[in-house]
Amino acid sequence: MNWPAGLFAAGLWVLLSAVWATLQPSLYPVSTARLAGRVFRDLAPALLLGLLVARLA
């Protein structure tokens, strides 16, 4: 298994999800806890995607 590729894909997924959550317009200011919750919610799919990419590579 190619662990560097898997970890890279997982990190990229989490980074892009945090940027996406930050750029979404909201009616009220987004707190740090809410942003962290969104990032952690996307962490499980990121790990699965990373394992899939590592398995295919």
C-alpha atoms as a PDB file:
ATOM      1  CA  MET A   1       0.000   0.000   0.000  1.00  0.00           C
ATOM      2  CA  ASN A   2       1.231   3.465  -0.849  1.00  0.00           C
ATOM      3  CA  TRP A   3       0.744   5.289   2.457  1.00  0.00           C
ATOM      4  CA  PRO A   4       2.125   8.677   1.347  1.00  0.00           C
ATOM      5  CA  ALA A   5      -0.408   8.878  -1.492  1.00  0.00           C
ATOM      6  CA  GLY A   6      -3.227   7.886   0.835  1.00  0.00           C
ATOM      7  CA  LEU A   7      -2.283  10.419   3.471  1.00  0.00           C
ATOM      8  CA  PHE A   8      -1.876  13.111   0.829  1.00  0.00           C
ATOM      9  CA  ALA A   9      -5.362  12.419  -0.547  1.00  0.00           C
ATOM     10  CA  ALA A  10      -6.860  12.444   2.958  1.00  0.00           C
ATOM     11  CA  GLY A  11      -5.161  15.712   3.832  1.00  0.00           C
ATOM     12  CA  LEU A  12      -6.255  17.298   0.576  1.00  0.00           C
ATOM     13  CA  TRP A  13      -9.856  16.215   1.185  1.00  0.00           C
ATOM     14  CA  VAL A  14      -9.901  17.727   4.680  1.00  0.00           C
ATOM     15  CA  LEU A  15      -8.258  20.938   3.508  1.00  0.00           C
ATOM     16  CA  LEU A  16     -10.710  21.416   0.649  1.00  0.00           C
ATOM     17  CA  SER A  17     -13.696  20.663   2.886  1.00  0.00           C
ATOM     18  CA  ALA A  18     -12.532  23.291   5.394  1.00  0.00           C
ATOM     19  CA  VAL A  19     -12.081  25.863   2.615  1.00  0.00           C
ATOM     20  CA  TRP A  20     -15.500  24.990   1.187  1.00  0.00           C
ATOM     21  CA  ALA A  21     -17.148  25.360   4.600  1.00  0.00           C
ATOM     22  CA  THR A  22     -15.442  28.689   5.147  1.00  0.00           C
ATOM     23  CA  LEU A  23     -16.501  30.117   1.782  1.00  0.00           C
ATOM     24  CA  GLN A  24     -20.179  29.199   2.165  1.00  0.00           C
ATOM     25  CA  PRO A  25     -22.300  32.272   2.811  1.00  0.00           C
ATOM     26  CA  SER A  26     -24.012  32.226   6.177  1.00  0.00           C
ATOM     27  CA  LEU A  27     -26.527  34.432   7.925  1.00  0.00           C
ATOM     28  CA  TYR A  28     -24.445  34.468  11.079  1.00  0.00           C
ATOM     29  CA  PRO A  29     -20.708  34.300  11.758  1.00  0.00           C
ATOM     30  CA  VAL A  30     -19.290  30.785  11.627  1.00  0.00           C
ATOM     31  CA  SER A  31     -17.661  29.849  14.891  1.00  0.00           C
ATOM     32  CA  THR A  32     -14.436  27.913  15.102  1.00  0.00           C
ATOM     33  CA  ALA A  33     -16.226  24.981  16.749  1.00  0.00           C
ATOM     34  CA  ARG A  34     -18.715  24.754  13.878  1.00  0.00           C
ATOM     35  CA  LEU A  35     -15.912  24.834  11.310  1.00  0.00           C
ATOM     36  CA  ALA A  36     -13.994  22.170  13.238  1.00  0.00           C
ATOM     37  CA  GLY A  37     -17.147  20.034  13.339  1.00  0.00           C
ATOM     38  CA  ARG A  38     -17.470  20.230   9.576  1.00  0.00           C
ATOM     39  CA  VAL A  39     -13.827  19.283   9.107  1.00  0.00           C
ATOM     40  CA  PHE A  40     -14.111  16.298  11.460  1.00  0.00           C
ATOM     41  CA  ARG A  41     -17.350  15.222   9.783  1.00  0.00           C
ATOM     42  CA  ASP A  42     -15.448  15.029   6.506  1.00  0.00           C
ATOM     43  CA  LEU A  43     -12.499  13.213   8.066  1.00  0.00           C
ATOM     44  CA  ALA A  44     -14.005   9.711   7.761  1.00  0.00           C
ATOM     45  CA  PRO A  45     -14.648   9.974   3.983  1.00  0.00           C
ATOM     46  CA  ALA A  46     -11.188  11.485   3.596  1.00  0.00           C
ATOM     47  CA  LEU A  47      -9.572   8.502   5.253  1.00  0.00           C
ATOM     48  CA  LEU A  48     -11.609   6.093   3.137  1.00  0.00           C
ATOM     49  CA  LEU A  49     -10.691   7.999  -0.029  1.00  0.00           C
ATOM     50  CA  GLY A  50      -7.056   7.968   1.000  1.00  0.00           C
ATOM     51  CA  LEU A  51      -7.120   4.218   1.559  1.00  0.00           C
ATOM     52  CA  LEU A  52      -8.836   3.710  -1.804  1.00  0.00           C
ATOM     53  CA  VAL A  53      -6.274   5.845  -3.640  1.00  0.00           C
ATOM     54  CA  ALA A  54      -3.441   4.108  -1.839  1.00  0.00           C
ATOM     55  CA  ARG A  55      -4.877   0.706  -2.725  1.00  0.00           C
ATOM     56  CA  LEU A  56      -5.272   1.621  -6.397  1.00  0.00           C
ATOM     57  CA  ALA A  57      -1.821   3.211  -6.687  1.00  0.00           C
END
